[in-house]
Amino acid sequence: MNKDKVVISIDAGTTGIRTMAFRKNGTVSAKSYSEFSQIYPQPGWVEHNPIEIWNVAKKTIQDVIEQVGIENIVSIGITNQRETTVVWNKDTGKSLYNAIVWQCRRTTPLCNKLSEYQDIVKEKTGLVLDPYFSATKIKWLIDNVDAVKRHLKKGNLLFGTVDSWVIWNLTGGKIHATEPSNASRTLCYNIRDLKYDTELLKIFGLKLEIFPDVKDSNSCFGYTNNKITGKDIPIIGVLGDQQASLFAHGGWEDGVVKNTYGTGLFIMHSTGDKIAKTKNLVSTVAWKVDRKATYAVEGAVFVAGTCIQWLRDNLKIISSAKETESMAKSISFNEGVYFVPALAGLGTPYWDPTARGMIIGITRQTTPSHIARAALESMAYQTKDVIEEIKKSVHGSQFKVLRVDGGATKNNFLMQFQADILGMKIERAALTEATALGAAAISGISSGFWNRKEFLKIRKPDNKFEPAMSKTESNKYYLKWKDAVQRSLEWSTL
């Protein structure tokens, strides 16, 4: 194959769009990244402008095409923030309201109202009944936005997660589709039957016709509109962002557990063709390739990188995320300062949308360095919360190494502290944008650009971190964290 040939990956994340082109040897030929606005209409509410998402995506795609040359592109893969909900008019393609983001907690009252159905939801979808997922967001839009209600009655309302929104626009409105790793996050998709469930749709008061078609994850999802890309390019392979990360880490191999340190933390472990029964973890579709589904368990922590952004933008005690490493290292230990970053409630394993953020242990000697260190440490503690839950819930899951990716993994203090708190080796990916690599992988493998063995050879760790702290000391840190968490629970009901 021509050495200039590439696979393009569109990574439609929570704070921006990253488009990358990968050569056959795994190196990056070109990349482009742009952020989009974060909208907070009320405390606990989070929105994005769908038009801005698409415009930013289009810009980064066109930037990369210009760098690599349209003639060298084999295929395009897509990965995306998952549960975020977009609704639009299928006749005009115009969005009808801001996207309601996965972090948004506005549907907590609706989830409480539907609590009698939580066992049915868990059994059929593998998910907990929580505002995190899409169904209650769609219902809120129908009940509260006149334009959405009107277009539903007219029969021209469409819903999609961000993958569907990007595909719709990229194909010029020809394709309304998704795949199981995204569909399984809607609360309406039965992961056993691998289709939308009539009973679940009825529970949430939703109509099947607004939902996108579900294709296999490695399908061809159509071709780009040549007015956008200059030439028809096949869109092959789509995965939700955390499933894409797991795929990039070779998640089809036995014993792999990964953590992506992004806006949130997402710890995932494949359970093969079996659906794990767990109380506090999410069971989900990892991917469906060539009509065969692979499942996974996942712990979702809502606030990680967001916490560092909050220190920068709200408290203004840092000007960049990089500063937190030297700040954390400037003090020998945390001096009893803990930060529970429940800025959007708490996810796995607590599932408490009423929990609120808390910094505790402050004295006259507390400095911005203590708070920055506590924010970094909170990521390590929350990761341990989830991995302990996986060990309890999934038979035979004993992990010796955690494979990690995401922007925060560049922070060496965090990685070492994570190894210490877990008592596990940490392998950091050479390419921290593993979600983008995963989308390229499923696209490239499906289009014949790579086979699986070739892809695994190019996936190399950048660094490894071994535990250096005694078990006694790490347990002391962790038990204090658990104490702090208990004090933050059910706060907004007081």
Protein backbone atom coordinates (compact mmCIF):
# COMPACT_ATOMS: atom_id res chain seq x y z
CA MET A 1 0.00 0.00 0.00
CA ASN A 2 1.18 3.52 -0.83
CA LYS A 3 3.07 4.93 2.18
CA ASP A 4 1.04 8.15 1.86
CA LYS A 5 -2.28 6.35 2.36
CA VAL A 6 -4.09 7.18 5.61
CA VAL A 7 -7.17 6.43 7.66
CA ILE A 8 -8.91 9.47 9.14
CA SER A 9 -10.43 9.46 12.62
CA ILE A 10 -13.00 12.02 13.79
CA ASP A 11 -13.06 12.20 17.59
CA ALA A 12 -16.12 14.24 18.56
CA GLY A 13 -15.42 14.77 22.25
CA THR A 14 -17.14 16.68 25.03
CA THR A 15 -15.09 19.87 24.80
CA GLY A 16 -13.89 19.79 21.19
CA ILE A 17 -13.39 17.89 17.93
CA ARG A 18 -10.08 16.23 17.08
CA THR A 19 -9.56 14.89 13.57
CA MET A 20 -6.42 12.84 12.89
CA ALA A 21 -4.90 10.96 9.97
CA PHE A 22 -2.96 7.74 10.68
CA ARG A 23 -0.38 6.09 8.44
CA LYS A 24 -0.05 2.32 8.21
CA ASN A 25 2.86 2.34 10.71
CA GLY A 26 0.58 4.06 13.25
CA THR A 27 2.22 7.47 13.10
CA VAL A 28 0.09 10.59 12.79
CA SER A 29 0.25 12.19 9.37
CA ALA A 30 -1.95 15.20 10.17
CA LYS A 31 -4.25 16.47 12.89
CA SER A 32 -6.54 19.36 13.70
CA TYR A 33 -8.34 20.27 16.92
CA SER A 34 -10.85 22.94 17.87
CA GLU A 35 -12.93 23.45 20.98
CA PHE A 36 -16.60 24.42 21.12
CA SER A 37 -18.62 26.28 23.74
CA GLN A 38 -19.76 24.78 27.03
CA ILE A 39 -23.18 26.15 28.00
CA TYR A 40 -24.46 26.10 31.60
CA PRO A 41 -28.02 27.53 31.70
CA GLN A 42 -28.61 26.51 35.33
CA PRO A 43 -26.61 24.74 38.06
CA GLY A 44 -26.26 21.08 37.06
CA TRP A 45 -27.34 21.72 33.45
CA VAL A 46 -24.85 21.29 30.58
CA GLU A 47 -25.52 21.99 26.90
CA HIS A 48 -23.72 22.27 23.56
CA ASN A 49 -24.77 24.01 20.36
CA PRO A 50 -25.19 21.23 17.73
CA ILE A 51 -24.54 23.65 14.86
CA GLU A 52 -21.27 24.67 16.49
CA ILE A 53 -20.34 21.00 16.99
CA TRP A 54 -20.87 20.33 13.28
CA ASN A 55 -19.07 23.50 12.13
CA VAL A 56 -16.06 22.65 14.30
CA ALA A 57 -16.10 19.04 13.03
CA LYS A 58 -16.27 20.22 9.41
CA LYS A 59 -13.39 22.63 9.93
CA THR A 60 -11.09 19.99 11.45
CA ILE A 61 -12.01 17.45 8.76
CA GLN A 62 -11.25 19.92 5.98
CA ASP A 63 -7.98 20.94 7.69
CA VAL A 64 -6.76 17.33 7.73
CA ILE A 65 -7.90 16.58 4.17
CA GLU A 66 -5.93 19.61 2.98
CA GLN A 67 -2.82 18.33 4.78
CA VAL A 68 -2.91 14.70 3.56
CA GLY A 69 -4.52 15.04 0.14
CA ILE A 70 -7.98 13.72 -0.69
CA GLU A 71 -6.54 10.98 -2.94
CA ASN A 72 -4.71 9.35 0.00
CA ILE A 73 -7.71 8.76 2.29
CA VAL A 74 -8.80 5.12 2.55
CA SER A 75 -11.70 5.58 4.97
CA ILE A 76 -13.06 7.69 7.81
CA GLY A 77 -13.89 6.36 11.29
CA ILE A 78 -15.90 8.20 13.94
CA THR A 79 -15.87 8.18 17.74
CA ASN A 80 -17.94 10.41 19.96
CA GLN A 81 -19.17 11.54 23.35
CA ARG A 82 -21.99 9.08 23.81
CA GLU A 83 -25.17 9.89 25.73
CA THR A 84 -25.33 13.53 24.63
CA THR A 85 -28.71 14.08 22.98
CA VAL A 86 -29.41 16.00 19.76
CA VAL A 87 -32.83 16.47 18.13
CA TRP A 88 -33.38 17.92 14.66
CA ASN A 89 -35.85 18.44 11.83
CA LYS A 90 -35.33 15.69 9.27
CA ASP A 91 -36.63 17.92 6.43
CA THR A 92 -34.32 20.88 7.05
CA GLY A 93 -31.52 19.24 9.06
CA LYS A 94 -31.72 22.09 11.59
CA SER A 95 -31.30 21.28 15.27
CA LEU A 96 -34.33 22.18 17.40
CA TYR A 97 -32.59 22.86 20.73
CA ASN A 98 -29.13 22.76 22.22
CA ALA A 99 -27.65 19.30 22.71
CA ILE A 100 -28.21 18.07 26.26
CA VAL A 101 -24.82 16.77 27.37
CA TRP A 102 -24.19 13.47 29.16
CA GLN A 103 -23.08 15.39 32.27
CA CYS A 104 -26.41 17.23 32.56
CA ARG A 105 -28.49 16.43 35.67
CA ARG A 106 -31.75 18.19 34.76
CA THR A 107 -33.70 14.94 34.44
CA THR A 108 -33.04 13.77 38.00
CA PRO A 109 -36.73 14.35 38.97
CA LEU A 110 -37.90 12.30 35.98
CA CYS A 111 -35.56 9.44 36.90
CA ASN A 112 -36.91 9.53 40.45
CA LYS A 113 -40.48 9.45 39.10
CA LEU A 114 -39.66 6.35 37.01
CA SER A 115 -37.74 4.58 39.80
CA GLU A 116 -40.23 1.67 39.89
CA TYR A 117 -38.82 0.61 36.50
CA GLN A 118 -35.15 0.61 37.50
CA ASP A 119 -34.91 -3.21 37.70
CA ILE A 120 -36.46 -3.63 34.23
CA VAL A 121 -34.09 -1.01 32.84
CA LYS A 122 -31.06 -2.66 34.44
CA GLU A 123 -32.04 -6.14 33.22
CA LYS A 124 -32.65 -5.10 29.62
CA THR A 125 -30.06 -2.38 29.06
CA GLY A 126 -27.33 -3.12 31.62
CA LEU A 127 -27.60 0.53 32.69
CA VAL A 128 -28.80 2.26 35.82
CA LEU A 129 -31.77 4.62 35.64
CA ASP A 130 -29.78 7.86 35.79
CA PRO A 131 -29.88 11.29 34.10
CA TYR A 132 -26.53 10.36 32.49
CA PHE A 133 -28.23 8.38 29.72
CA SER A 134 -30.23 9.62 26.73
CA ALA A 135 -33.88 8.56 27.15
CA THR A 136 -34.89 10.98 29.89
CA LYS A 137 -33.09 13.79 28.03
CA ILE A 138 -35.22 13.10 24.92
CA LYS A 139 -38.38 13.02 27.03
CA TRP A 140 -37.43 16.32 28.67
CA LEU A 141 -37.01 17.93 25.25
CA ILE A 142 -40.40 16.67 24.08
CA ASP A 143 -42.12 17.88 27.24
CA ASN A 144 -40.40 21.26 27.51
CA VAL A 145 -39.55 22.52 24.01
CA ASP A 146 -42.49 23.50 21.81
CA ALA A 147 -40.57 23.06 18.55
CA VAL A 148 -39.59 19.51 19.49
CA LYS A 149 -43.18 18.62 20.47
CA ARG A 150 -44.53 20.15 17.24
CA HIS A 151 -42.11 18.31 14.96
CA LEU A 152 -42.78 15.02 16.77
CA LYS A 153 -46.49 15.42 15.96
CA LYS A 154 -45.65 16.25 12.33
CA GLY A 155 -43.51 13.11 12.08
CA ASN A 156 -40.30 14.86 11.10
CA LEU A 157 -38.38 14.73 14.40
CA LEU A 158 -35.07 12.87 14.56
CA PHE A 159 -32.96 12.01 17.59
CA GLY A 160 -29.35 11.00 17.65
CA THR A 161 -26.26 10.90 19.78
CA VAL A 162 -23.34 12.92 18.42
CA ASP A 163 -22.18 10.13 16.08
CA SER A 164 -25.57 10.18 14.33
CA TRP A 165 -25.55 13.99 14.14
CA VAL A 166 -22.08 14.00 12.54
CA ILE A 167 -22.97 11.17 10.11
CA TRP A 168 -26.19 12.95 9.10
CA ASN A 169 -24.34 16.16 8.30
CA LEU A 170 -21.29 14.48 6.78
CA THR A 171 -23.51 12.55 4.34
CA GLY A 172 -25.58 15.61 3.48
CA GLY A 173 -28.65 14.33 5.34
CA LYS A 174 -28.75 10.95 3.60
CA ILE A 175 -27.96 8.66 6.55
CA HIS A 176 -29.61 8.53 10.01
CA ALA A 177 -27.69 5.75 11.72
CA THR A 178 -25.75 4.66 14.76
CA GLU A 179 -24.23 1.41 16.07
CA PRO A 180 -24.64 -0.70 19.25
CA SER A 181 -21.99 0.89 21.50
CA ASN A 182 -23.88 4.17 21.19
CA ALA A 183 -27.41 2.75 20.93
CA SER A 184 -26.80 0.78 24.13
CA ARG A 185 -26.43 4.11 26.03
CA THR A 186 -29.93 5.38 25.26
CA LEU A 187 -31.85 3.30 27.90
CA CYS A 188 -34.05 2.12 25.01
CA TYR A 189 -31.80 -0.57 23.47
CA ASN A 190 -32.05 -4.15 24.70
CA ILE A 191 -28.46 -5.42 24.82
CA ARG A 192 -29.61 -9.06 24.87
CA ASP A 193 -31.86 -8.82 21.81
CA LEU A 194 -29.63 -6.15 20.21
CA LYS A 195 -32.54 -3.94 19.19
CA TYR A 196 -34.69 -1.11 20.52
CA ASP A 197 -37.14 -2.44 23.09
CA THR A 198 -40.89 -1.75 22.84
CA GLU A 199 -41.43 -1.91 26.61
CA LEU A 200 -38.59 0.52 27.31
CA LEU A 201 -39.83 2.97 24.68
CA LYS A 202 -43.25 2.85 26.33
CA ILE A 203 -41.77 3.47 29.81
CA PHE A 204 -40.06 6.63 28.57
CA GLY A 205 -42.93 7.71 26.32
CA LEU A 206 -40.81 7.69 23.15
CA LYS A 207 -41.50 6.70 19.53
CA LEU A 208 -39.28 4.29 17.63
CA GLU A 209 -39.37 6.34 14.42
CA ILE A 210 -37.25 9.15 15.87
CA PHE A 211 -34.33 6.78 16.59
CA PRO A 212 -31.45 6.10 14.16
CA ASP A 213 -30.99 2.75 12.42
CA VAL A 214 -28.48 0.51 14.18
CA LYS A 215 -25.71 -0.94 12.01
CA ASP A 216 -22.76 -3.13 13.03
CA SER A 217 -19.89 -1.08 14.46
CA ASN A 218 -17.63 -1.95 11.52
CA SER A 219 -20.25 -1.21 8.83
CA CYS A 220 -20.02 1.29 6.02
CA PHE A 221 -22.23 4.17 7.17
CA GLY A 222 -22.39 5.79 3.75
CA TYR A 223 -20.17 8.27 1.96
CA THR A 224 -19.25 11.85 2.67
CA ASN A 225 -20.96 14.60 0.70
CA ASN A 226 -18.38 15.73 -1.83
CA LYS A 227 -19.42 19.36 -1.28
CA ILE A 228 -17.92 18.98 2.20
CA THR A 229 -14.89 16.78 1.51
CA GLY A 230 -14.27 17.32 -2.23
CA LYS A 231 -14.74 13.62 -2.97
CA ASP A 232 -16.96 10.78 -1.75
CA ILE A 233 -15.09 9.05 1.12
CA PRO A 234 -16.45 5.91 2.80
CA ILE A 235 -17.40 6.30 6.47
CA ILE A 236 -16.41 2.90 7.86
CA GLY A 237 -16.46 2.11 11.56
CA VAL A 238 -18.12 4.00 14.41
CA LEU A 239 -17.67 3.51 18.17
CA GLY A 240 -18.61 5.43 21.30
CA ASP A 241 -15.51 7.08 22.72
CA GLN A 242 -14.83 4.69 25.60
CA GLN A 243 -15.41 1.60 23.50
CA ALA A 244 -13.04 3.10 20.92
CA SER A 245 -10.42 3.52 23.64
CA LEU A 246 -10.87 -0.10 24.72
CA PHE A 247 -10.50 -1.19 21.09
CA ALA A 248 -7.30 0.85 20.76
CA HIS A 249 -5.88 -0.91 23.83
CA GLY A 250 -6.53 -4.32 22.26
CA GLY A 251 -9.60 -4.83 24.44
CA TRP A 252 -10.51 -8.06 22.67
CA GLU A 253 -7.55 -9.68 24.45
CA ASP A 254 -8.09 -11.37 27.84
CA GLY A 255 -7.56 -9.42 31.07
CA VAL A 256 -7.36 -5.94 29.60
CA VAL A 257 -8.67 -3.09 31.77
CA LYS A 258 -8.34 0.48 30.58
CA ASN A 259 -8.98 3.95 31.93
CA THR A 260 -9.44 7.10 29.87
CA TYR A 261 -8.64 10.30 31.77
CA GLY A 262 -10.70 12.87 29.92
CA THR A 263 -13.54 15.15 30.90
CA GLY A 264 -14.57 12.23 33.10
CA LEU A 265 -12.96 8.89 33.91
CA PHE A 266 -14.08 5.80 32.07
CA ILE A 267 -12.81 2.44 33.23
CA MET A 268 -13.78 -0.48 31.00
CA HIS A 269 -13.15 -4.23 30.84
CA SER A 270 -14.41 -6.61 28.15
CA THR A 271 -16.53 -9.58 29.25
CA GLY A 272 -16.50 -11.20 25.80
CA ASP A 273 -19.80 -12.67 24.66
CA LYS A 274 -21.22 -12.66 28.21
CA ILE A 275 -23.24 -9.90 29.85
CA ALA A 276 -22.05 -9.38 33.43
CA LYS A 277 -24.72 -8.95 36.10
CA THR A 278 -23.63 -6.11 38.35
CA LYS A 279 -25.36 -3.68 40.69
CA ASN A 280 -23.20 -0.58 40.47
CA LEU A 281 -21.34 -1.00 37.17
CA VAL A 282 -22.77 -0.45 33.72
CA SER A 283 -22.95 -3.48 31.41
CA THR A 284 -22.76 -2.32 27.83
CA VAL A 285 -22.04 -3.35 24.27
CA ALA A 286 -18.34 -2.90 23.55
CA TRP A 287 -18.84 -3.35 19.81
CA LYS A 288 -20.67 -5.49 17.29
CA VAL A 289 -18.42 -6.65 14.49
CA ASP A 290 -19.57 -8.90 11.64
CA ARG A 291 -22.88 -9.59 13.44
CA LYS A 292 -21.13 -10.72 16.66
CA ALA A 293 -21.53 -8.63 19.82
CA THR A 294 -18.78 -8.18 22.42
CA TYR A 295 -19.80 -6.87 25.84
CA ALA A 296 -18.03 -4.91 28.58
CA VAL A 297 -18.46 -3.58 32.08
CA GLU A 298 -17.80 0.08 32.66
CA GLY A 299 -17.45 2.51 35.50
CA ALA A 300 -18.27 6.09 34.63
CA VAL A 301 -16.86 8.93 36.74
CA PHE A 302 -18.43 12.21 35.71
CA VAL A 303 -15.74 14.71 36.69
CA ALA A 304 -11.98 14.35 36.09
CA GLY A 305 -10.46 16.79 33.58
CA THR A 306 -13.48 19.01 34.22
CA CYS A 307 -12.20 19.40 37.78
CA ILE A 308 -8.89 20.82 36.51
CA GLN A 309 -10.77 23.14 34.14
CA TRP A 310 -12.79 24.31 37.14
CA LEU A 311 -9.59 25.19 39.03
CA ARG A 312 -8.47 27.18 36.00
CA ASP A 313 -11.69 28.88 34.90
CA ASN A 314 -13.70 29.26 38.12
CA LEU A 315 -11.21 29.40 40.99
CA LYS A 316 -8.45 30.80 38.75
CA ILE A 317 -5.71 29.23 40.90
CA ILE A 318 -3.98 27.82 37.80
CA SER A 319 -3.56 29.17 34.28
CA SER A 320 -2.98 25.76 32.65
CA ALA A 321 -3.45 22.10 33.52
CA LYS A 322 0.32 21.52 33.25
CA GLU A 323 0.92 23.58 36.39
CA THR A 324 -0.83 21.02 38.61
CA GLU A 325 2.05 18.53 38.37
CA SER A 326 4.68 20.85 39.85
CA MET A 327 2.15 22.19 42.39
CA ALA A 328 1.34 18.66 43.59
CA LYS A 329 5.03 17.74 43.83
CA SER A 330 5.81 20.90 45.81
CA ILE A 331 4.23 19.39 48.95
CA SER A 332 5.30 16.07 50.42
CA PHE A 333 1.78 14.78 51.11
CA ASN A 334 -1.81 16.01 50.93
CA GLU A 335 -1.89 17.20 54.59
CA GLY A 336 -5.44 15.88 54.95
CA VAL A 337 -6.95 17.98 52.14
CA TYR A 338 -9.44 16.02 50.00
CA PHE A 339 -11.48 17.18 47.03
CA VAL A 340 -14.63 15.22 46.17
CA PRO A 341 -15.34 16.59 42.66
CA ALA A 342 -19.07 15.87 42.58
CA LEU A 343 -19.62 18.90 40.36
CA ALA A 344 -22.24 16.92 38.39
CA GLY A 345 -23.23 14.40 41.07
CA LEU A 346 -21.35 11.13 41.48
CA GLY A 347 -21.35 8.22 39.05
CA THR A 348 -19.92 4.73 39.59
CA PRO A 349 -20.19 3.19 42.15
CA TYR A 350 -22.31 5.73 44.06
CA TRP A 351 -24.84 6.82 41.41
CA ASP A 352 -25.97 9.82 43.40
CA PRO A 353 -27.06 12.80 41.25
CA THR A 354 -27.68 14.79 44.45
CA ALA A 355 -24.05 14.56 45.66
CA ARG A 356 -22.17 17.86 45.47
CA GLY A 357 -18.52 18.84 45.32
CA MET A 358 -16.59 19.29 48.52
CA ILE A 359 -13.09 20.34 49.59
CA ILE A 360 -12.43 19.24 53.15
CA GLY A 361 -9.44 19.35 55.49
CA ILE A 362 -8.61 23.02 54.88
CA THR A 363 -6.51 24.89 57.46
CA ARG A 364 -4.78 28.28 57.59
CA GLN A 365 -1.79 26.57 55.97
CA THR A 366 -3.77 25.34 52.93
CA THR A 367 -2.52 26.74 49.62
CA PRO A 368 -3.56 26.43 45.96
CA SER A 369 -1.01 23.60 45.72
CA HIS A 370 -2.96 21.53 48.24
CA ILE A 371 -6.18 22.00 46.28
CA ALA A 372 -4.47 21.18 42.96
CA ARG A 373 -2.96 18.04 44.48
CA ALA A 374 -6.32 17.04 45.97
CA ALA A 375 -7.94 17.43 42.53
CA LEU A 376 -5.35 15.12 40.94
CA GLU A 377 -5.58 12.61 43.78
CA SER A 378 -9.38 12.49 43.37
CA MET A 379 -8.90 10.95 39.91
CA ALA A 380 -6.79 8.16 41.37
CA TYR A 381 -9.25 7.46 44.20
CA GLN A 382 -12.25 7.39 41.86
CA THR A 383 -10.40 4.99 39.56
CA LYS A 384 -9.78 2.68 42.51
CA ASP A 385 -13.47 2.90 43.45
CA VAL A 386 -14.39 1.50 40.05
CA ILE A 387 -11.67 -1.16 39.78
CA GLU A 388 -12.59 -2.50 43.22
CA GLU A 389 -16.19 -2.72 42.01
CA ILE A 390 -15.11 -4.65 38.88
CA LYS A 391 -13.13 -7.08 41.01
CA LYS A 392 -16.18 -7.69 43.21
CA SER A 393 -18.63 -7.99 40.34
CA VAL A 394 -16.89 -9.86 37.53
CA HIS A 395 -15.76 -13.38 38.35
CA GLY A 396 -12.05 -13.98 37.87
CA SER A 397 -11.16 -10.34 37.15
CA GLN A 398 -7.69 -9.92 38.65
CA PHE A 399 -5.69 -7.21 36.94
CA LYS A 400 -1.94 -6.67 37.14
CA VAL A 401 -1.78 -3.67 34.83
CA LEU A 402 -4.01 -0.72 33.98
CA ARG A 403 -3.70 0.65 30.43
CA VAL A 404 -4.35 4.39 30.39
CA ASP A 405 -4.89 7.18 27.92
CA GLY A 406 -6.26 10.71 27.83
CA GLY A 407 -4.81 14.16 28.37
CA ALA A 408 -4.37 13.90 32.15
CA THR A 409 -2.07 10.86 31.77
CA LYS A 410 0.70 13.27 30.75
CA ASN A 411 0.81 14.26 34.43
CA ASN A 412 3.54 12.07 35.93
CA PHE A 413 2.52 12.85 39.51
CA LEU A 414 -0.99 11.56 38.82
CA MET A 415 0.26 8.41 37.10
CA GLN A 416 2.65 7.53 39.94
CA PHE A 417 -0.01 8.24 42.58
CA GLN A 418 -2.45 6.09 40.60
CA ALA A 419 0.00 3.17 40.61
CA ASP A 420 0.54 3.65 44.36
CA ILE A 421 -3.16 3.78 45.27
CA LEU A 422 -4.04 0.77 43.10
CA GLY A 423 -0.93 -1.27 43.86
CA MET A 424 -0.84 -1.96 40.10
CA LYS A 425 1.48 -1.23 37.22
CA ILE A 426 0.29 1.57 34.92
CA GLU A 427 0.97 1.47 31.16
CA ARG A 428 0.58 4.85 29.50
CA ALA A 429 -0.24 4.86 25.81
CA ALA A 430 2.33 6.51 23.55
CA LEU A 431 -0.58 8.25 21.86
CA THR A 432 -2.75 9.70 24.62
CA GLU A 433 -5.65 10.24 22.17
CA ALA A 434 -6.59 6.55 22.26
CA THR A 435 -10.24 7.24 21.44
CA ALA A 436 -9.17 8.71 18.10
CA LEU A 437 -6.80 5.78 17.52
CA GLY A 438 -9.62 3.32 18.29
CA ALA A 439 -11.89 4.88 15.69
CA ALA A 440 -9.03 4.70 13.18
CA ALA A 441 -8.41 1.08 14.19
CA ILE A 442 -11.95 -0.19 13.60
CA SER A 443 -12.12 1.80 10.37
CA GLY A 444 -8.69 0.69 9.15
CA ILE A 445 -9.19 -2.97 10.06
CA SER A 446 -12.62 -2.99 8.40
CA SER A 447 -11.39 -1.27 5.24
CA GLY A 448 -8.36 -3.59 4.92
CA PHE A 449 -5.81 -0.91 5.82
CA TRP A 450 -4.62 -3.09 8.78
CA ASN A 451 -5.36 -6.52 10.16
CA ARG A 452 -5.65 -6.95 13.95
CA LYS A 453 -2.12 -8.32 14.38
CA GLU A 454 -0.64 -5.42 12.43
CA PHE A 455 -2.59 -2.95 14.55
CA LEU A 456 -1.48 -4.48 17.87
CA LYS A 457 2.17 -4.18 16.81
CA ILE A 458 1.87 -0.41 16.46
CA ARG A 459 0.21 0.00 19.89
CA LYS A 460 3.16 0.63 22.21
CA PRO A 461 3.23 2.05 25.76
CA ASP A 462 5.03 5.34 26.26
CA ASN A 463 5.91 4.74 29.92
CA LYS A 464 5.24 2.41 32.83
CA PHE A 465 4.71 3.35 36.47
CA GLU A 466 5.29 0.82 39.25
CA PRO A 467 3.81 1.08 42.78
CA ALA A 468 6.28 2.64 45.24
CA MET A 469 4.05 3.34 48.24
CA SER A 470 3.48 0.80 51.04
CA LYS A 471 0.07 -0.85 51.16
CA THR A 472 -0.46 0.55 54.67
CA GLU A 473 0.10 4.11 53.50
CA SER A 474 -2.03 3.77 50.36
CA ASN A 475 -4.90 2.28 52.41
CA LYS A 476 -4.68 5.23 54.80
CA TYR A 477 -5.08 7.70 51.92
CA TYR A 478 -7.95 5.73 50.41
CA LEU A 479 -9.96 5.23 53.61
CA LYS A 480 -9.87 8.99 54.23
CA TRP A 481 -11.17 9.50 50.69
CA LYS A 482 -14.09 7.12 51.35
CA ASP A 483 -14.90 9.10 54.48
CA ALA A 484 -14.94 12.36 52.51
CA VAL A 485 -17.23 10.89 49.84
CA GLN A 486 -19.80 9.83 52.43
CA ARG A 487 -20.04 13.43 53.60
CA SER A 488 -20.82 14.68 50.06
CA LEU A 489 -23.68 12.25 49.32
CA GLU A 490 -27.32 13.42 49.13
CA TRP A 491 -26.16 16.99 49.72
CA SER A 492 -28.63 18.81 47.44
CA THR A 493 -31.59 17.21 49.29
CA LEU A 494 -30.57 18.83 52.60
